[in-house]
Amino acid sequence: MVSKNVKIVNSEGFHMRPVSAFVKEMSQFTSDVKIEAGDKVVNGKSVMNLMAAGIRCGAEINVVCTGDDEEAALNAAIAMIESGFGEK
């Protein structure tokens, strides 16, 4: 298991477009991807779970990856989030 805290920087937070892109990217990995936001822990490969979490700009989240390709999954997730999904 690997994890890293990261801040949501795009102004609209985790809305439909970035969530869809994130899920598409994370689905390429065999590892489980979880997003911890406050008291919520959601499946990082589920559009519905991520949308329901209501993650806004400025939120501090923890990305947790577990599995054979956990390092690659974590690196990809962090890169996407830190880039602001191209929306900063």
N, C-alpha and C. Protein backbone atom coordinates (compact mmCIF):
# COMPACT_ATOMS: atom_id res chain seq x y z
N MET A 1 0.83 -1.18 0.00
CA MET A 1 0.00 0.00 0.00
C MET A 1 0.88 1.25 0.00
N VAL A 2 0.51 2.19 -0.87
CA VAL A 2 1.18 3.48 -0.91
C VAL A 2 0.11 4.56 -0.88
N SER A 3 0.46 5.71 -0.33
CA SER A 3 -0.52 6.80 -0.28
C SER A 3 0.19 8.14 -0.29
N LYS A 4 -0.57 9.16 -0.64
CA LYS A 4 -0.02 10.51 -0.63
C LYS A 4 -1.17 11.50 -0.48
N ASN A 5 -0.92 12.53 0.33
CA ASN A 5 -1.87 13.63 0.47
C ASN A 5 -1.66 14.62 -0.66
N VAL A 6 -2.75 15.16 -1.17
CA VAL A 6 -2.67 16.12 -2.26
C VAL A 6 -3.85 17.08 -2.14
N LYS A 7 -3.65 18.30 -2.63
CA LYS A 7 -4.69 19.32 -2.58
C LYS A 7 -5.34 19.45 -3.96
N ILE A 8 -6.65 19.56 -3.98
CA ILE A 8 -7.39 19.77 -5.23
C ILE A 8 -7.20 21.23 -5.63
N VAL A 9 -6.62 21.46 -6.82
CA VAL A 9 -6.27 22.83 -7.22
C VAL A 9 -7.15 23.39 -8.33
N ASN A 10 -7.84 22.55 -9.07
CA ASN A 10 -8.68 23.12 -10.13
C ASN A 10 -9.90 23.79 -9.50
N SER A 11 -10.32 24.90 -10.07
CA SER A 11 -11.32 25.76 -9.44
C SER A 11 -12.67 25.11 -9.22
N GLU A 12 -13.04 24.15 -10.02
CA GLU A 12 -14.35 23.50 -9.89
C GLU A 12 -14.30 22.21 -9.07
N GLY A 13 -13.12 21.83 -8.60
CA GLY A 13 -13.00 20.60 -7.82
C GLY A 13 -13.22 19.36 -8.67
N PHE A 14 -13.63 18.27 -8.03
CA PHE A 14 -13.87 17.00 -8.73
C PHE A 14 -15.29 17.01 -9.30
N HIS A 15 -15.46 17.67 -10.44
CA HIS A 15 -16.76 17.66 -11.12
C HIS A 15 -16.72 16.62 -12.23
N MET A 16 -17.74 16.52 -13.03
CA MET A 16 -17.90 15.39 -13.95
C MET A 16 -16.71 15.18 -14.91
N ARG A 17 -16.21 16.23 -15.53
CA ARG A 17 -15.14 16.03 -16.51
C ARG A 17 -13.86 15.47 -15.87
N PRO A 18 -13.33 16.09 -14.81
CA PRO A 18 -12.13 15.51 -14.22
C PRO A 18 -12.37 14.15 -13.59
N VAL A 19 -13.54 13.95 -13.01
CA VAL A 19 -13.84 12.64 -12.42
C VAL A 19 -13.83 11.56 -13.50
N SER A 20 -14.45 11.85 -14.63
CA SER A 20 -14.48 10.87 -15.73
C SER A 20 -13.07 10.56 -16.23
N ALA A 21 -12.25 11.59 -16.38
CA ALA A 21 -10.87 11.39 -16.83
C ALA A 21 -10.07 10.60 -15.79
N PHE A 22 -10.28 10.91 -14.52
CA PHE A 22 -9.57 10.24 -13.44
C PHE A 22 -9.93 8.75 -13.41
N VAL A 23 -11.22 8.45 -13.48
CA VAL A 23 -11.67 7.06 -13.44
C VAL A 23 -11.15 6.29 -14.66
N LYS A 24 -11.17 6.92 -15.81
CA LYS A 24 -10.65 6.27 -17.02
C LYS A 24 -9.18 5.92 -16.85
N GLU A 25 -8.40 6.85 -16.32
CA GLU A 25 -6.97 6.61 -16.11
C GLU A 25 -6.73 5.54 -15.05
N MET A 26 -7.42 5.64 -13.92
CA MET A 26 -7.22 4.68 -12.83
C MET A 26 -7.68 3.27 -13.20
N SER A 27 -8.63 3.16 -14.10
CA SER A 27 -9.14 1.85 -14.53
C SER A 27 -8.10 1.06 -15.32
N GLN A 28 -7.05 1.71 -15.77
CA GLN A 28 -5.98 1.02 -16.50
C GLN A 28 -5.07 0.24 -15.56
N PHE A 29 -5.19 0.49 -14.27
CA PHE A 29 -4.33 -0.17 -13.28
C PHE A 29 -5.10 -1.28 -12.58
N THR A 30 -4.38 -2.33 -12.18
CA THR A 30 -5.02 -3.43 -11.46
C THR A 30 -5.18 -3.12 -9.98
N SER A 31 -4.42 -2.20 -9.48
CA SER A 31 -4.47 -1.84 -8.05
C SER A 31 -5.81 -1.21 -7.68
N ASP A 32 -6.18 -1.39 -6.41
CA ASP A 32 -7.32 -0.67 -5.86
C ASP A 32 -6.90 0.76 -5.62
N VAL A 33 -7.78 1.69 -5.91
CA VAL A 33 -7.52 3.11 -5.69
C VAL A 33 -8.64 3.66 -4.81
N LYS A 34 -8.26 4.20 -3.68
CA LYS A 34 -9.23 4.79 -2.76
C LYS A 34 -8.88 6.26 -2.56
N ILE A 35 -9.93 7.05 -2.42
CA ILE A 35 -9.76 8.47 -2.13
C ILE A 35 -10.36 8.73 -0.76
N GLU A 36 -9.54 9.27 0.14
CA GLU A 36 -10.00 9.64 1.47
C GLU A 36 -10.16 11.15 1.51
N ALA A 37 -11.39 11.59 1.72
CA ALA A 37 -11.69 13.02 1.77
C ALA A 37 -12.50 13.28 3.03
N GLY A 38 -11.88 13.88 4.01
CA GLY A 38 -12.56 14.08 5.29
C GLY A 38 -12.87 12.75 5.93
N ASP A 39 -14.12 12.53 6.24
CA ASP A 39 -14.51 11.25 6.86
C ASP A 39 -15.01 10.25 5.83
N LYS A 40 -14.90 10.59 4.54
CA LYS A 40 -15.35 9.70 3.47
C LYS A 40 -14.17 8.94 2.86
N VAL A 41 -14.41 7.68 2.53
CA VAL A 41 -13.45 6.88 1.78
C VAL A 41 -14.22 6.31 0.59
N VAL A 42 -13.78 6.68 -0.62
CA VAL A 42 -14.52 6.26 -1.82
C VAL A 42 -13.61 5.54 -2.81
N ASN A 43 -14.24 4.76 -3.64
CA ASN A 43 -13.56 4.02 -4.69
C ASN A 43 -13.12 5.00 -5.77
N GLY A 44 -11.82 5.07 -6.03
CA GLY A 44 -11.28 5.98 -7.03
C GLY A 44 -11.50 5.53 -8.46
N LYS A 45 -12.16 4.40 -8.64
CA LYS A 45 -12.49 3.90 -9.98
C LYS A 45 -13.99 3.95 -10.23
N SER A 46 -14.71 4.72 -9.42
CA SER A 46 -16.16 4.83 -9.54
C SER A 46 -16.57 6.29 -9.72
N VAL A 47 -17.13 6.60 -10.89
CA VAL A 47 -17.60 7.96 -11.15
C VAL A 47 -18.64 8.37 -10.11
N MET A 48 -19.59 7.48 -9.85
CA MET A 48 -20.66 7.81 -8.92
C MET A 48 -20.13 8.08 -7.50
N ASN A 49 -19.21 7.24 -7.04
CA ASN A 49 -18.64 7.42 -5.70
C ASN A 49 -17.88 8.75 -5.60
N LEU A 50 -17.08 9.06 -6.61
CA LEU A 50 -16.31 10.31 -6.58
C LEU A 50 -17.22 11.53 -6.66
N MET A 51 -18.24 11.47 -7.49
CA MET A 51 -19.17 12.60 -7.59
C MET A 51 -19.92 12.79 -6.27
N ALA A 52 -20.33 11.69 -5.66
CA ALA A 52 -21.08 11.76 -4.40
C ALA A 52 -20.23 12.31 -3.26
N ALA A 53 -18.91 12.18 -3.37
CA ALA A 53 -18.02 12.66 -2.30
C ALA A 53 -18.01 14.19 -2.23
N GLY A 54 -18.37 14.87 -3.33
CA GLY A 54 -18.43 16.33 -3.31
C GLY A 54 -17.10 17.00 -3.00
N ILE A 55 -16.03 16.57 -3.64
CA ILE A 55 -14.69 17.09 -3.37
C ILE A 55 -14.50 18.42 -4.10
N ARG A 56 -14.30 19.47 -3.35
CA ARG A 56 -14.22 20.84 -3.88
C ARG A 56 -12.77 21.33 -3.99
N CYS A 57 -12.62 22.45 -4.69
CA CYS A 57 -11.32 23.11 -4.80
C CYS A 57 -10.80 23.42 -3.40
N GLY A 58 -9.53 23.16 -3.21
CA GLY A 58 -8.89 23.43 -1.93
C GLY A 58 -8.93 22.27 -0.95
N ALA A 59 -9.73 21.25 -1.27
CA ALA A 59 -9.83 20.09 -0.37
C ALA A 59 -8.52 19.33 -0.34
N GLU A 60 -8.15 18.88 0.84
CA GLU A 60 -6.99 18.00 1.02
C GLU A 60 -7.51 16.57 1.02
N ILE A 61 -7.00 15.76 0.10
CA ILE A 61 -7.42 14.36 0.03
C ILE A 61 -6.19 13.46 0.16
N ASN A 62 -6.43 12.21 0.46
CA ASN A 62 -5.38 11.22 0.52
C ASN A 62 -5.71 10.16 -0.53
N VAL A 63 -4.77 9.92 -1.43
CA VAL A 63 -4.94 8.89 -2.45
C VAL A 63 -4.20 7.65 -1.96
N VAL A 64 -4.91 6.52 -1.89
CA VAL A 64 -4.35 5.27 -1.39
C VAL A 64 -4.46 4.22 -2.48
N CYS A 65 -3.33 3.62 -2.85
CA CYS A 65 -3.31 2.59 -3.89
C CYS A 65 -2.73 1.31 -3.30
N THR A 66 -3.38 0.19 -3.62
CA THR A 66 -2.96 -1.11 -3.11
C THR A 66 -3.01 -2.12 -4.24
N GLY A 67 -1.86 -2.77 -4.51
CA GLY A 67 -1.84 -3.79 -5.55
C GLY A 67 -0.51 -3.87 -6.25
N ASP A 68 -0.46 -4.69 -7.28
CA ASP A 68 0.79 -4.95 -8.01
C ASP A 68 1.40 -3.71 -8.65
N ASP A 69 0.56 -2.81 -9.15
CA ASP A 69 1.07 -1.61 -9.83
C ASP A 69 0.74 -0.34 -9.03
N GLU A 70 0.77 -0.47 -7.72
CA GLU A 70 0.36 0.62 -6.84
C GLU A 70 1.17 1.89 -7.01
N GLU A 71 2.47 1.76 -7.19
CA GLU A 71 3.32 2.95 -7.36
C GLU A 71 2.95 3.71 -8.63
N ALA A 72 2.78 2.98 -9.73
CA ALA A 72 2.42 3.62 -11.00
C ALA A 72 1.04 4.27 -10.91
N ALA A 73 0.10 3.59 -10.25
CA ALA A 73 -1.25 4.14 -10.09
C ALA A 73 -1.21 5.42 -9.26
N LEU A 74 -0.47 5.39 -8.16
CA LEU A 74 -0.37 6.57 -7.31
C LEU A 74 0.29 7.73 -8.05
N ASN A 75 1.36 7.45 -8.75
CA ASN A 75 2.05 8.51 -9.50
C ASN A 75 1.13 9.13 -10.54
N ALA A 76 0.36 8.31 -11.25
CA ALA A 76 -0.57 8.81 -12.27
C ALA A 76 -1.68 9.65 -11.62
N ALA A 77 -2.21 9.16 -10.50
CA ALA A 77 -3.28 9.89 -9.81
C ALA A 77 -2.80 11.25 -9.33
N ILE A 78 -1.64 11.28 -8.70
CA ILE A 78 -1.10 12.53 -8.16
C ILE A 78 -0.80 13.51 -9.29
N ALA A 79 -0.23 13.02 -10.38
CA ALA A 79 0.09 13.89 -11.52
C ALA A 79 -1.19 14.53 -12.07
N MET A 80 -2.25 13.76 -12.20
CA MET A 80 -3.52 14.30 -12.71
C MET A 80 -4.07 15.38 -11.78
N ILE A 81 -4.09 15.08 -10.50
CA ILE A 81 -4.67 16.00 -9.54
C ILE A 81 -3.84 17.29 -9.44
N GLU A 82 -2.53 17.14 -9.36
CA GLU A 82 -1.66 18.32 -9.24
C GLU A 82 -1.68 19.19 -10.49
N SER A 83 -1.98 18.58 -11.65
CA SER A 83 -2.05 19.35 -12.90
C SER A 83 -3.34 20.17 -12.98
N GLY A 84 -4.26 19.90 -12.07
CA GLY A 84 -5.55 20.61 -12.09
C GLY A 84 -6.44 20.13 -13.22
N PHE A 85 -6.13 18.95 -13.74
CA PHE A 85 -6.90 18.36 -14.84
C PHE A 85 -6.97 19.32 -16.02
N GLY A 86 -5.96 20.17 -16.16
CA GLY A 86 -5.91 21.12 -17.26
C GLY A 86 -6.89 22.29 -17.09
N GLU A 87 -7.39 22.49 -15.87
CA GLU A 87 -8.41 23.51 -15.64
C GLU A 87 -7.99 24.65 -14.72
N LYS A 88 -6.82 24.62 -14.15
CA LYS A 88 -6.44 25.59 -13.13
C LYS A 88 -7.03 26.94 -13.43
